N, C-alpha and C. Protein backbone atom coordinates (compact mmCIF):
# COMPACT_ATOMS: atom_id res chain seq x y z
N MET A 1 -1.73 27.74 -54.04
CA MET A 1 -1.85 26.91 -52.87
C MET A 1 -0.68 27.23 -51.95
N VAL A 2 -0.98 27.32 -50.64
CA VAL A 2 0.05 27.64 -49.64
C VAL A 2 0.45 26.36 -48.93
N TYR A 3 1.77 26.10 -48.90
CA TYR A 3 2.27 24.95 -48.17
C TYR A 3 2.84 25.45 -46.85
N LEU A 4 2.38 24.83 -45.75
CA LEU A 4 2.86 25.23 -44.43
C LEU A 4 4.02 24.33 -44.02
N ARG A 5 4.96 24.96 -43.32
CA ARG A 5 6.04 24.15 -42.78
C ARG A 5 5.47 23.25 -41.70
N CYS A 6 6.05 22.12 -41.47
CA CYS A 6 5.52 21.09 -40.58
C CYS A 6 5.16 21.61 -39.19
N PRO A 7 6.05 22.29 -38.44
CA PRO A 7 5.69 22.73 -37.10
C PRO A 7 4.47 23.66 -37.09
N LEU A 8 4.39 24.57 -38.04
CA LEU A 8 3.26 25.49 -38.11
C LEU A 8 1.99 24.74 -38.47
N LYS A 9 2.12 23.81 -39.39
CA LYS A 9 0.96 23.02 -39.79
C LYS A 9 0.44 22.20 -38.60
N LEU A 10 1.33 21.61 -37.84
CA LEU A 10 0.92 20.82 -36.66
C LEU A 10 0.26 21.72 -35.62
N ALA A 11 0.79 22.92 -35.44
CA ALA A 11 0.21 23.85 -34.47
C ALA A 11 -1.21 24.24 -34.89
N LEU A 12 -1.39 24.49 -36.18
CA LEU A 12 -2.73 24.84 -36.67
C LEU A 12 -3.70 23.67 -36.53
N MET A 13 -3.23 22.47 -36.80
CA MET A 13 -4.08 21.29 -36.66
C MET A 13 -4.47 21.10 -35.19
N ALA A 14 -3.53 21.32 -34.28
CA ALA A 14 -3.82 21.19 -32.85
C ALA A 14 -4.85 22.23 -32.42
N LEU A 15 -4.70 23.47 -32.92
CA LEU A 15 -5.66 24.52 -32.60
C LEU A 15 -7.04 24.18 -33.13
N MET A 16 -7.10 23.65 -34.32
CA MET A 16 -8.39 23.28 -34.91
C MET A 16 -9.04 22.15 -34.09
N SER A 17 -8.23 21.20 -33.65
CA SER A 17 -8.81 20.10 -32.88
C SER A 17 -9.33 20.59 -31.54
N LEU A 18 -8.65 21.59 -30.96
CA LEU A 18 -9.15 22.17 -29.69
C LEU A 18 -10.48 22.88 -29.90
N LEU A 19 -10.57 23.61 -31.00
CA LEU A 19 -11.79 24.36 -31.26
C LEU A 19 -12.98 23.44 -31.52
N PHE A 20 -12.74 22.35 -32.25
CA PHE A 20 -13.84 21.47 -32.63
C PHE A 20 -14.08 20.32 -31.65
N ALA A 21 -13.12 20.03 -30.81
CA ALA A 21 -13.27 18.91 -29.87
C ALA A 21 -13.76 19.36 -28.51
N GLY A 22 -13.87 20.64 -28.27
CA GLY A 22 -14.39 21.11 -26.99
C GLY A 22 -13.33 21.33 -25.94
N GLY A 23 -12.11 21.45 -26.31
CA GLY A 23 -11.06 21.74 -25.34
C GLY A 23 -10.00 20.65 -25.31
N PRO A 24 -8.95 20.90 -24.53
CA PRO A 24 -7.84 19.95 -24.48
C PRO A 24 -8.25 18.68 -23.73
N ALA A 25 -7.56 17.60 -24.03
CA ALA A 25 -7.80 16.36 -23.31
C ALA A 25 -7.36 16.54 -21.87
N ARG A 26 -8.15 16.00 -20.96
CA ARG A 26 -7.83 16.11 -19.54
C ARG A 26 -7.51 14.72 -19.01
N PRO A 27 -6.62 14.65 -17.99
CA PRO A 27 -6.36 13.34 -17.40
C PRO A 27 -7.63 12.79 -16.76
N VAL A 28 -7.82 11.51 -16.86
CA VAL A 28 -8.99 10.88 -16.27
C VAL A 28 -8.66 10.50 -14.84
N PRO A 29 -9.51 10.91 -13.88
CA PRO A 29 -9.24 10.54 -12.48
C PRO A 29 -9.16 9.03 -12.33
N ALA A 30 -8.35 8.57 -11.36
CA ALA A 30 -8.11 7.14 -11.16
C ALA A 30 -9.41 6.36 -11.00
N GLN A 31 -10.39 6.91 -10.28
CA GLN A 31 -11.63 6.17 -10.07
C GLN A 31 -12.40 5.97 -11.37
N ASP A 32 -12.16 6.81 -12.36
CA ASP A 32 -12.84 6.68 -13.64
C ASP A 32 -12.09 5.77 -14.61
N GLN A 33 -10.89 5.40 -14.30
CA GLN A 33 -10.08 4.56 -15.18
C GLN A 33 -10.29 3.07 -14.90
N LYS A 34 -11.20 2.76 -14.01
CA LYS A 34 -11.47 1.37 -13.65
C LYS A 34 -10.22 0.70 -13.09
N ILE A 35 -9.50 1.42 -12.26
CA ILE A 35 -8.35 0.87 -11.55
C ILE A 35 -8.81 0.52 -10.15
N ALA A 36 -8.66 -0.75 -9.79
CA ALA A 36 -9.07 -1.18 -8.46
C ALA A 36 -8.21 -0.49 -7.41
N ARG A 37 -8.83 -0.13 -6.31
CA ARG A 37 -8.14 0.53 -5.22
C ARG A 37 -8.01 -0.45 -4.05
N TYR A 38 -7.11 -0.14 -3.15
CA TYR A 38 -6.89 -0.97 -1.97
C TYR A 38 -7.96 -0.68 -0.93
N VAL A 39 -8.45 -1.73 -0.29
CA VAL A 39 -9.55 -1.57 0.67
C VAL A 39 -9.15 -1.97 2.08
N GLY A 40 -8.03 -2.62 2.27
CA GLY A 40 -7.59 -3.03 3.60
C GLY A 40 -8.09 -4.41 3.99
N ILE A 41 -7.38 -5.01 4.91
CA ILE A 41 -7.62 -6.40 5.30
C ILE A 41 -8.99 -6.60 5.95
N SER A 42 -9.52 -5.59 6.61
CA SER A 42 -10.83 -5.75 7.27
C SER A 42 -11.94 -6.00 6.25
N ALA A 43 -11.75 -5.56 5.01
CA ALA A 43 -12.75 -5.81 3.97
C ALA A 43 -12.75 -7.27 3.53
N CYS A 44 -11.69 -8.00 3.81
CA CYS A 44 -11.59 -9.41 3.43
C CYS A 44 -12.26 -10.32 4.46
N LYS A 45 -12.31 -9.87 5.70
CA LYS A 45 -12.76 -10.70 6.82
C LYS A 45 -14.17 -11.28 6.66
N PRO A 46 -15.18 -10.54 6.23
CA PRO A 46 -16.53 -11.11 6.18
C PRO A 46 -16.65 -12.39 5.35
N CYS A 47 -15.93 -12.48 4.26
CA CYS A 47 -16.02 -13.66 3.38
C CYS A 47 -14.90 -14.66 3.61
N HIS A 48 -13.79 -14.20 4.17
CA HIS A 48 -12.61 -15.05 4.33
C HIS A 48 -12.18 -15.07 5.79
N GLU A 49 -13.11 -15.36 6.69
CA GLU A 49 -12.84 -15.27 8.12
C GLU A 49 -11.73 -16.23 8.58
N LYS A 50 -11.74 -17.44 8.07
CA LYS A 50 -10.72 -18.43 8.43
C LYS A 50 -9.32 -17.94 8.03
N GLU A 51 -9.21 -17.45 6.80
CA GLU A 51 -7.92 -16.94 6.32
C GLU A 51 -7.52 -15.68 7.09
N PHE A 52 -8.50 -14.84 7.40
CA PHE A 52 -8.24 -13.61 8.16
C PHE A 52 -7.65 -13.95 9.52
N LYS A 53 -8.27 -14.90 10.23
CA LYS A 53 -7.79 -15.29 11.56
C LYS A 53 -6.39 -15.89 11.49
N ALA A 54 -6.15 -16.73 10.50
CA ALA A 54 -4.82 -17.34 10.35
C ALA A 54 -3.78 -16.27 10.04
N PHE A 55 -4.12 -15.37 9.14
CA PHE A 55 -3.18 -14.33 8.74
C PHE A 55 -2.85 -13.41 9.91
N THR A 56 -3.88 -12.89 10.57
CA THR A 56 -3.63 -11.94 11.67
C THR A 56 -3.03 -12.63 12.89
N GLY A 57 -3.26 -13.92 13.02
CA GLY A 57 -2.73 -14.64 14.17
C GLY A 57 -1.32 -15.16 14.00
N PHE A 58 -0.92 -15.46 12.76
CA PHE A 58 0.36 -16.13 12.57
C PHE A 58 1.32 -15.48 11.58
N ALA A 59 0.83 -14.76 10.61
CA ALA A 59 1.72 -14.20 9.59
C ALA A 59 2.43 -12.96 10.10
N LYS A 60 3.73 -12.95 9.94
CA LYS A 60 4.53 -11.79 10.37
C LYS A 60 4.15 -10.52 9.60
N LYS A 61 3.68 -10.71 8.38
CA LYS A 61 3.30 -9.55 7.56
C LYS A 61 2.18 -8.75 8.19
N SER A 62 1.32 -9.40 8.96
CA SER A 62 0.16 -8.72 9.52
C SER A 62 0.55 -7.64 10.53
N SER A 63 1.81 -7.65 10.96
CA SER A 63 2.30 -6.59 11.86
C SER A 63 3.62 -6.02 11.35
N SER A 64 3.79 -6.01 10.04
CA SER A 64 5.06 -5.63 9.42
C SER A 64 5.47 -4.18 9.67
N PHE A 65 4.51 -3.30 9.94
CA PHE A 65 4.86 -1.89 10.16
C PHE A 65 5.67 -1.72 11.44
N GLN A 66 5.56 -2.68 12.37
CA GLN A 66 6.35 -2.61 13.60
C GLN A 66 7.85 -2.59 13.30
N SER A 67 8.25 -3.28 12.23
CA SER A 67 9.67 -3.28 11.85
C SER A 67 10.13 -1.87 11.48
N ILE A 68 9.27 -1.14 10.79
CA ILE A 68 9.62 0.23 10.42
C ILE A 68 9.71 1.09 11.67
N ASN A 69 8.73 0.98 12.55
CA ASN A 69 8.75 1.77 13.78
C ASN A 69 9.96 1.45 14.64
N ARG A 70 10.35 0.19 14.67
CA ARG A 70 11.49 -0.23 15.46
C ARG A 70 12.79 0.38 14.94
N LEU A 71 12.91 0.55 13.63
CA LEU A 71 14.14 1.04 13.03
C LEU A 71 14.09 2.53 12.64
N LYS A 72 12.97 3.16 12.85
CA LYS A 72 12.73 4.54 12.39
C LYS A 72 13.84 5.51 12.77
N LYS A 73 14.33 5.40 13.98
CA LYS A 73 15.36 6.34 14.47
C LYS A 73 16.67 6.21 13.69
N GLU A 74 16.91 5.04 13.14
CA GLU A 74 18.17 4.78 12.44
C GLU A 74 18.09 5.05 10.94
N LEU A 75 16.89 5.36 10.43
CA LEU A 75 16.69 5.49 9.00
C LEU A 75 16.39 6.92 8.57
N THR A 76 16.79 7.24 7.35
CA THR A 76 16.43 8.54 6.78
C THR A 76 15.00 8.46 6.27
N ALA A 77 14.42 9.59 5.94
CA ALA A 77 13.06 9.62 5.40
C ALA A 77 12.97 8.81 4.11
N GLU A 78 13.97 8.88 3.27
CA GLU A 78 13.97 8.11 2.02
C GLU A 78 14.07 6.61 2.27
N GLU A 79 14.88 6.22 3.26
CA GLU A 79 15.00 4.81 3.59
C GLU A 79 13.68 4.27 4.14
N ILE A 80 13.00 5.07 4.92
CA ILE A 80 11.69 4.67 5.47
C ILE A 80 10.71 4.46 4.33
N LYS A 81 10.69 5.38 3.36
CA LYS A 81 9.79 5.23 2.21
C LYS A 81 10.10 3.95 1.43
N ALA A 82 11.37 3.59 1.35
CA ALA A 82 11.74 2.34 0.66
C ALA A 82 11.18 1.14 1.42
N CYS A 83 11.10 1.23 2.73
CA CYS A 83 10.53 0.14 3.54
C CYS A 83 9.03 0.00 3.29
N TYR A 84 8.37 1.12 3.01
CA TYR A 84 6.92 1.10 2.78
C TYR A 84 6.53 0.17 1.64
N LEU A 85 7.39 0.01 0.65
CA LEU A 85 7.06 -0.82 -0.51
C LEU A 85 6.67 -2.24 -0.10
N CYS A 86 7.34 -2.81 0.89
CA CYS A 86 7.05 -4.18 1.30
C CYS A 86 6.37 -4.30 2.65
N HIS A 87 6.46 -3.29 3.46
CA HIS A 87 5.91 -3.38 4.81
C HIS A 87 4.57 -2.69 4.97
N THR A 88 3.98 -2.20 3.88
CA THR A 88 2.64 -1.61 3.90
C THR A 88 1.88 -2.17 2.70
N THR A 89 0.63 -1.78 2.58
CA THR A 89 -0.20 -2.28 1.49
C THR A 89 -0.42 -1.19 0.44
N GLY A 90 0.08 -1.43 -0.76
CA GLY A 90 -0.19 -0.56 -1.90
C GLY A 90 0.54 0.77 -1.92
N TYR A 91 1.64 0.89 -1.21
CA TYR A 91 2.36 2.17 -1.19
C TYR A 91 2.74 2.60 -2.60
N GLY A 92 2.41 3.84 -2.94
CA GLY A 92 2.75 4.41 -4.25
C GLY A 92 1.77 4.03 -5.35
N LYS A 93 0.71 3.33 -5.01
CA LYS A 93 -0.28 2.92 -6.01
C LYS A 93 -1.62 3.56 -5.69
N PRO A 94 -2.53 3.65 -6.67
CA PRO A 94 -3.84 4.29 -6.42
C PRO A 94 -4.57 3.64 -5.24
N GLY A 95 -4.91 4.45 -4.26
CA GLY A 95 -5.64 3.97 -3.10
C GLY A 95 -4.80 3.24 -2.09
N GLY A 96 -3.48 3.21 -2.28
CA GLY A 96 -2.59 2.50 -1.37
C GLY A 96 -2.17 3.33 -0.19
N PHE A 97 -1.28 2.76 0.64
CA PHE A 97 -0.79 3.41 1.84
C PHE A 97 -0.15 4.76 1.51
N VAL A 98 -0.52 5.77 2.30
CA VAL A 98 0.08 7.09 2.18
C VAL A 98 0.90 7.38 3.43
N ASN A 99 0.25 7.31 4.59
CA ASN A 99 0.92 7.46 5.88
C ASN A 99 -0.01 6.93 6.96
N GLU A 100 0.49 6.85 8.18
CA GLU A 100 -0.31 6.27 9.27
C GLU A 100 -1.58 7.06 9.57
N GLN A 101 -1.53 8.36 9.38
CA GLN A 101 -2.70 9.19 9.68
C GLN A 101 -3.78 9.07 8.61
N LEU A 102 -3.40 9.10 7.35
CA LEU A 102 -4.38 9.07 6.26
C LEU A 102 -4.88 7.67 5.91
N THR A 103 -4.02 6.67 6.04
CA THR A 103 -4.39 5.30 5.64
C THR A 103 -3.95 4.28 6.69
N PRO A 104 -4.45 4.39 7.91
CA PRO A 104 -4.00 3.47 8.97
C PRO A 104 -4.33 2.01 8.69
N ASP A 105 -5.40 1.73 7.95
CA ASP A 105 -5.78 0.35 7.66
C ASP A 105 -4.84 -0.33 6.66
N LEU A 106 -3.96 0.44 6.05
CA LEU A 106 -3.03 -0.12 5.06
C LEU A 106 -1.59 -0.09 5.56
N ARG A 107 -1.40 0.16 6.85
CA ARG A 107 -0.03 0.35 7.35
C ARG A 107 0.76 -0.95 7.46
N ASN A 108 0.12 -2.09 7.46
CA ASN A 108 0.84 -3.37 7.46
C ASN A 108 0.71 -4.01 6.08
N ALA A 109 1.50 -5.04 5.86
CA ALA A 109 1.40 -5.78 4.60
C ALA A 109 0.22 -6.74 4.73
N GLY A 110 -0.89 -6.37 4.12
CA GLY A 110 -2.11 -7.16 4.22
C GLY A 110 -2.31 -8.07 3.02
N CYS A 111 -3.50 -8.63 2.93
CA CYS A 111 -3.87 -9.59 1.88
C CYS A 111 -3.57 -9.04 0.48
N GLU A 112 -3.83 -7.74 0.30
CA GLU A 112 -3.74 -7.15 -1.03
C GLU A 112 -2.31 -6.97 -1.53
N VAL A 113 -1.33 -7.09 -0.64
CA VAL A 113 0.06 -7.01 -1.09
C VAL A 113 0.33 -8.13 -2.09
N CYS A 114 -0.18 -9.31 -1.79
CA CYS A 114 0.03 -10.47 -2.66
C CYS A 114 -1.11 -10.66 -3.67
N HIS A 115 -2.33 -10.42 -3.21
CA HIS A 115 -3.50 -10.72 -4.04
C HIS A 115 -3.96 -9.55 -4.91
N GLY A 116 -3.35 -8.39 -4.73
CA GLY A 116 -3.72 -7.22 -5.52
C GLY A 116 -4.85 -6.43 -4.89
N PRO A 117 -5.11 -5.23 -5.40
CA PRO A 117 -6.16 -4.38 -4.84
C PRO A 117 -7.51 -5.09 -4.85
N GLY A 118 -8.24 -4.98 -3.75
CA GLY A 118 -9.45 -5.76 -3.59
C GLY A 118 -10.77 -5.06 -3.87
N GLU A 119 -10.75 -3.81 -4.26
CA GLU A 119 -11.99 -3.04 -4.41
C GLU A 119 -13.03 -3.77 -5.26
N PHE A 120 -12.67 -4.18 -6.45
CA PHE A 120 -13.65 -4.80 -7.35
C PHE A 120 -14.07 -6.18 -6.85
N HIS A 121 -13.13 -6.92 -6.26
CA HIS A 121 -13.45 -8.24 -5.73
C HIS A 121 -14.45 -8.13 -4.58
N VAL A 122 -14.24 -7.16 -3.70
CA VAL A 122 -15.15 -6.96 -2.58
C VAL A 122 -16.54 -6.57 -3.08
N LYS A 123 -16.60 -5.69 -4.07
CA LYS A 123 -17.89 -5.23 -4.59
C LYS A 123 -18.65 -6.34 -5.31
N THR A 124 -17.93 -7.17 -6.08
CA THR A 124 -18.60 -8.17 -6.92
C THR A 124 -18.54 -9.59 -6.37
N GLN A 125 -17.60 -9.84 -5.47
CA GLN A 125 -17.29 -11.18 -4.95
C GLN A 125 -16.90 -12.13 -6.08
N ASP A 126 -16.46 -11.58 -7.18
CA ASP A 126 -16.04 -12.37 -8.33
C ASP A 126 -14.55 -12.72 -8.18
N PRO A 127 -14.20 -14.00 -8.13
CA PRO A 127 -12.80 -14.39 -7.97
C PRO A 127 -11.89 -13.92 -9.11
N ARG A 128 -12.47 -13.58 -10.24
CA ARG A 128 -11.64 -13.09 -11.35
C ARG A 128 -11.12 -11.68 -11.07
N ASN A 129 -11.68 -11.00 -10.07
CA ASN A 129 -11.27 -9.64 -9.74
C ASN A 129 -10.20 -9.58 -8.66
N ILE A 130 -9.53 -10.69 -8.43
CA ILE A 130 -8.44 -10.73 -7.45
C ILE A 130 -7.45 -11.81 -7.89
N ARG A 131 -6.20 -11.65 -7.53
CA ARG A 131 -5.18 -12.65 -7.89
C ARG A 131 -5.30 -13.80 -6.89
N GLY A 132 -5.68 -14.98 -7.38
CA GLY A 132 -5.93 -16.11 -6.50
C GLY A 132 -4.75 -17.05 -6.35
N ASN A 133 -4.28 -17.60 -7.43
CA ASN A 133 -3.19 -18.57 -7.38
C ASN A 133 -1.86 -17.85 -7.47
N LEU A 134 -1.20 -17.76 -6.33
CA LEU A 134 0.06 -17.03 -6.27
C LEU A 134 1.22 -17.92 -6.66
N THR A 135 2.25 -17.28 -7.18
CA THR A 135 3.46 -17.99 -7.60
C THR A 135 4.64 -17.48 -6.80
N GLU A 136 5.74 -18.14 -6.93
CA GLU A 136 6.95 -17.70 -6.26
C GLU A 136 7.35 -16.30 -6.72
N GLN A 137 7.08 -15.99 -7.98
CA GLN A 137 7.40 -14.66 -8.51
C GLN A 137 6.61 -13.57 -7.78
N ASP A 138 5.38 -13.89 -7.37
CA ASP A 138 4.59 -12.93 -6.60
C ASP A 138 5.29 -12.60 -5.28
N CYS A 139 5.86 -13.62 -4.65
CA CYS A 139 6.55 -13.43 -3.37
C CYS A 139 7.86 -12.67 -3.53
N GLU A 140 8.52 -12.90 -4.67
CA GLU A 140 9.84 -12.32 -4.87
C GLU A 140 9.82 -10.81 -5.09
N VAL A 141 8.64 -10.22 -5.18
CA VAL A 141 8.57 -8.76 -5.25
C VAL A 141 9.20 -8.17 -3.99
N CYS A 142 8.91 -8.77 -2.85
CA CYS A 142 9.49 -8.29 -1.58
C CYS A 142 10.56 -9.23 -1.04
N HIS A 143 10.34 -10.53 -1.18
CA HIS A 143 11.27 -11.50 -0.61
C HIS A 143 12.40 -11.79 -1.58
N THR A 144 13.32 -10.83 -1.69
CA THR A 144 14.47 -10.97 -2.57
C THR A 144 15.63 -11.60 -1.80
N SER A 145 16.63 -12.05 -2.50
CA SER A 145 17.79 -12.66 -1.84
C SER A 145 18.50 -11.65 -0.95
N GLU A 146 18.38 -10.35 -1.24
CA GLU A 146 19.00 -9.33 -0.41
C GLU A 146 18.25 -9.16 0.91
N ARG A 147 16.99 -9.55 0.93
CA ARG A 147 16.17 -9.40 2.14
C ARG A 147 15.98 -10.75 2.79
N VAL A 148 15.02 -11.51 2.30
CA VAL A 148 14.73 -12.84 2.82
C VAL A 148 14.23 -13.72 1.70
N ARG A 149 14.45 -15.02 1.84
CA ARG A 149 13.90 -15.95 0.87
C ARG A 149 12.52 -16.35 1.35
N PRO A 150 11.55 -16.56 0.43
CA PRO A 150 10.19 -16.92 0.84
C PRO A 150 10.15 -18.13 1.76
N SER A 151 11.02 -19.11 1.57
CA SER A 151 10.99 -20.32 2.39
C SER A 151 11.54 -20.09 3.79
N ASP A 152 12.21 -18.94 4.03
CA ASP A 152 12.79 -18.66 5.34
C ASP A 152 11.89 -17.87 6.24
N THR A 153 10.71 -17.57 5.81
CA THR A 153 9.85 -16.70 6.60
C THR A 153 8.43 -17.24 6.65
N ASN A 154 7.71 -16.76 7.59
CA ASN A 154 6.30 -17.12 7.72
C ASN A 154 5.51 -16.15 6.86
N LEU A 155 5.17 -16.57 5.65
CA LEU A 155 4.45 -15.70 4.74
C LEU A 155 3.06 -15.47 5.26
C-alpha cells in the first residue's frame, strides 16, 4: 500500500473532484444569488406616493449629491468616494450607485439607503422584502457624531 504525503494527496483529491464534478466551482453572479438590487426612488412612487412627495419635497437626503458637487473642487477622488457611502444609494453594493453617468437614479440618498435594496419588494409588494421599522442604529450608519446627529437634521 502506498501512503501519499498530505499535500500530494490533497492535490490528487482536488484533481479527481474536478474530473468527476465537471470542472472547477465558478462564482455565482449576483443576480443568481438572490441578492436584492437597488431600484431607485422612482420605483417607490407608485405605491408610496404620499411618502415620495414628502421625501422629495422636504428631506435633505433627496438632494444629498449636491453636497458632493458643492465640495468636489476641494476633495480628492478618494474623499469623494467616501462621501458616496452616505450621499448616494447603495454605493459599493450590488446594483448600487456607481457614478452619475451609469446610475443617475441612485445619485442621491433615496429610500433604499435606510430601507435596503428594493428590488424584491417592488416585484412582490411583500413588506417582508424591505426594512420597515427603522431604528436609531439604522440612522447611525451615516449620522455619526463626527458628522451629524439624527435629531439635528431633517431625515
